[in-house]
Amino acid sequence: MKVGSDSTCSEAPPVDVAWAKAESDPTFVRICHIDDIPPLGSRVVHRSDDRGGNIALFRTADDRVFALRDRCPHKGGPLSQGIVFGDRVACPLHNWTIELESGCAVAPDHGCTRAFTVRTDDERVVYIALCETD
């Protein structure tokens, strides 16, 4: 998925969503349908480094969706390739556990990656809140 210029093993390859457009609320960008994200899996929204890097979308077992910058706060591992369990993802490099809601590492580790606000509509379409600087 591509938007502008910031897990689990994703079985599906990243999707180009250059077509993503702002809907009703101009800060929310339409990304995909929830079914495009595997349960207990992730999808990547590709963005250039000058726009904050890739964003990883995560889907929990109970169909909640979270979005984090796709970079572990420890050594920069791709969180989208980690394992989703409960409300957390394990970094694939060093097994740091990151909270999906906040983007913060679970103690004894410390550090955070950016979390993005996500919403889904009645048709289960996923939107991410992005600012002009995102």
Protein backbone atom coordinates (compact mmCIF):
# COMPACT_ATOMS: atom_id res chain seq x y z
CA MET A 1 0.00 0.00 0.00
CA LYS A 2 1.36 3.45 -0.76
CA VAL A 3 0.22 6.65 0.89
CA GLY A 4 2.23 9.85 0.50
CA SER A 5 6.02 9.84 0.82
CA ASP A 6 5.99 5.22 8.99
CA SER A 7 3.44 -8.05 13.44
CA THR A 8 2.84 -10.91 11.98
CA CYS A 9 4.09 -12.48 8.84
CA SER A 10 1.98 -10.91 6.17
CA GLU A 11 0.87 -13.62 3.80
CA ALA A 12 -0.32 -11.12 1.23
CA PRO A 13 2.19 -8.85 -0.48
CA PRO A 14 2.03 -5.08 0.11
CA VAL A 15 -0.62 -3.38 -2.01
CA ASP A 16 -0.23 -0.09 -3.83
CA VAL A 17 -2.93 2.20 -2.47
CA ALA A 18 -1.83 5.34 -4.24
CA TRP A 19 -5.56 5.59 -4.94
CA ALA A 20 -6.22 6.18 -1.24
CA LYS A 21 -8.22 9.33 -0.79
CA ALA A 22 -9.51 11.42 2.05
CA GLU A 23 -13.16 10.72 2.83
CA SER A 24 -15.65 12.88 4.77
CA ASP A 25 -13.12 13.90 7.45
CA PRO A 26 -10.07 15.18 5.56
CA THR A 27 -7.65 13.83 8.16
CA PHE A 28 -8.77 10.22 7.64
CA VAL A 29 -7.43 8.40 4.58
CA ARG A 30 -9.16 5.32 3.19
CA ILE A 31 -6.66 2.45 3.14
CA CYS A 32 -8.37 -0.92 2.54
CA HIS A 33 -11.15 -3.27 3.60
CA ILE A 34 -10.58 -5.10 6.89
CA ASP A 35 -10.59 -8.41 4.98
CA ASP A 36 -7.42 -7.23 3.17
CA ILE A 37 -5.61 -7.61 6.51
CA PRO A 38 -5.25 -11.25 7.59
CA PRO A 39 -6.56 -12.07 11.11
CA LEU A 40 -3.59 -11.93 13.51
CA GLY A 41 -1.67 -10.45 10.61
CA SER A 42 -0.59 -7.21 9.05
CA ARG A 43 -0.40 -5.16 5.87
CA VAL A 44 2.06 -2.41 5.04
CA VAL A 45 1.22 1.11 3.89
CA HIS A 46 4.35 2.16 2.01
CA ARG A 47 5.51 5.74 2.53
CA SER A 48 8.82 7.43 1.83
CA ASP A 49 11.20 8.09 4.71
CA ASP A 50 10.63 11.84 4.39
CA ARG A 51 6.95 11.16 5.14
CA GLY A 52 7.81 9.15 8.28
CA GLY A 53 8.37 5.71 6.77
CA ASN A 54 6.00 2.79 6.33
CA ILE A 55 2.90 2.18 8.45
CA ALA A 56 1.94 -1.34 9.56
CA LEU A 57 -1.77 -2.14 9.92
CA PHE A 58 -2.51 -4.96 12.36
CA ARG A 59 -5.72 -6.99 12.76
CA THR A 60 -6.39 -8.79 16.03
CA ALA A 61 -8.31 -12.05 16.49
CA ASP A 62 -11.43 -10.05 17.40
CA ASP A 63 -11.14 -7.84 14.27
CA ARG A 64 -9.80 -4.69 15.88
CA VAL A 65 -7.35 -2.78 13.66
CA PHE A 66 -4.31 -0.80 14.82
CA ALA A 67 -1.67 1.18 12.93
CA LEU A 68 1.95 1.72 13.96
CA ARG A 69 5.02 3.04 12.26
CA ASP A 70 6.59 -0.12 10.84
CA ARG A 71 9.76 0.27 12.87
CA CYS A 72 10.58 -1.23 16.27
CA PRO A 73 11.92 1.37 18.74
CA HIS A 74 14.79 -0.99 19.64
CA LYS A 75 16.76 -1.66 16.44
CA GLY A 76 14.30 -0.61 13.75
CA GLY A 77 12.97 -4.07 12.90
CA PRO A 78 9.86 -4.26 10.67
CA LEU A 79 6.97 -4.79 13.09
CA SER A 80 4.76 -5.87 10.18
CA GLN A 81 6.82 -9.08 10.07
CA GLY A 82 6.31 -9.82 13.76
CA ILE A 83 3.76 -12.05 15.47
CA VAL A 84 0.46 -10.53 16.62
CA PHE A 85 -0.89 -11.91 19.90
CA GLY A 86 -3.69 -10.30 21.87
CA ASP A 87 -3.18 -6.51 21.67
CA ARG A 88 0.57 -6.79 21.04
CA VAL A 89 3.10 -7.57 18.35
CA ALA A 90 6.49 -9.23 18.87
CA CYS A 91 9.32 -7.64 16.89
CA PRO A 92 10.87 -10.22 14.55
CA LEU A 93 14.46 -9.14 15.30
CA HIS A 94 14.79 -9.36 19.08
CA ASN A 95 11.30 -10.31 20.27
CA TRP A 96 10.51 -6.99 21.89
CA THR A 97 6.79 -6.80 22.68
CA ILE A 98 5.03 -3.66 21.44
CA GLU A 99 1.52 -2.58 22.51
CA LEU A 100 -0.63 -2.12 19.40
CA GLU A 101 -2.72 0.69 20.88
CA SER A 102 0.12 2.90 22.14
CA GLY A 103 3.16 1.72 20.16
CA CYS A 104 5.11 1.43 23.41
CA ALA A 105 7.39 -1.44 24.37
CA VAL A 106 6.34 -3.64 27.30
CA ALA A 107 8.61 -3.59 30.39
CA PRO A 108 11.40 -4.29 30.98
CA ASP A 109 12.01 -2.87 27.49
CA HIS A 110 11.33 0.79 26.83
CA GLY A 111 10.72 3.03 23.84
CA CYS A 112 7.83 3.74 21.51
CA THR A 113 7.01 3.79 17.84
CA ARG A 114 4.36 6.12 16.49
CA ALA A 115 0.76 4.95 16.74
CA PHE A 116 -1.87 6.25 14.30
CA THR A 117 -5.60 6.64 14.91
CA VAL A 118 -7.62 4.05 12.97
CA ARG A 119 -11.31 3.81 12.33
CA THR A 120 -13.53 1.42 10.40
CA ASP A 121 -16.92 2.25 8.97
CA ASP A 122 -20.09 0.16 8.85
CA GLU A 123 -18.83 -1.55 5.68
CA ARG A 124 -15.56 -2.48 7.47
CA VAL A 125 -13.42 -0.11 5.42
CA VAL A 126 -10.24 0.91 7.28
CA TYR A 127 -9.14 4.56 7.53
CA ILE A 128 -5.98 6.04 9.08
CA ALA A 129 -5.75 9.58 10.44
CA LEU A 130 -2.89 11.42 8.72
CA CYS A 131 -1.88 15.06 9.08
CA GLU A 132 -0.45 17.31 6.37
CA THR A 133 3.00 16.49 7.75
CA ASP A 134 2.40 12.70 7.70
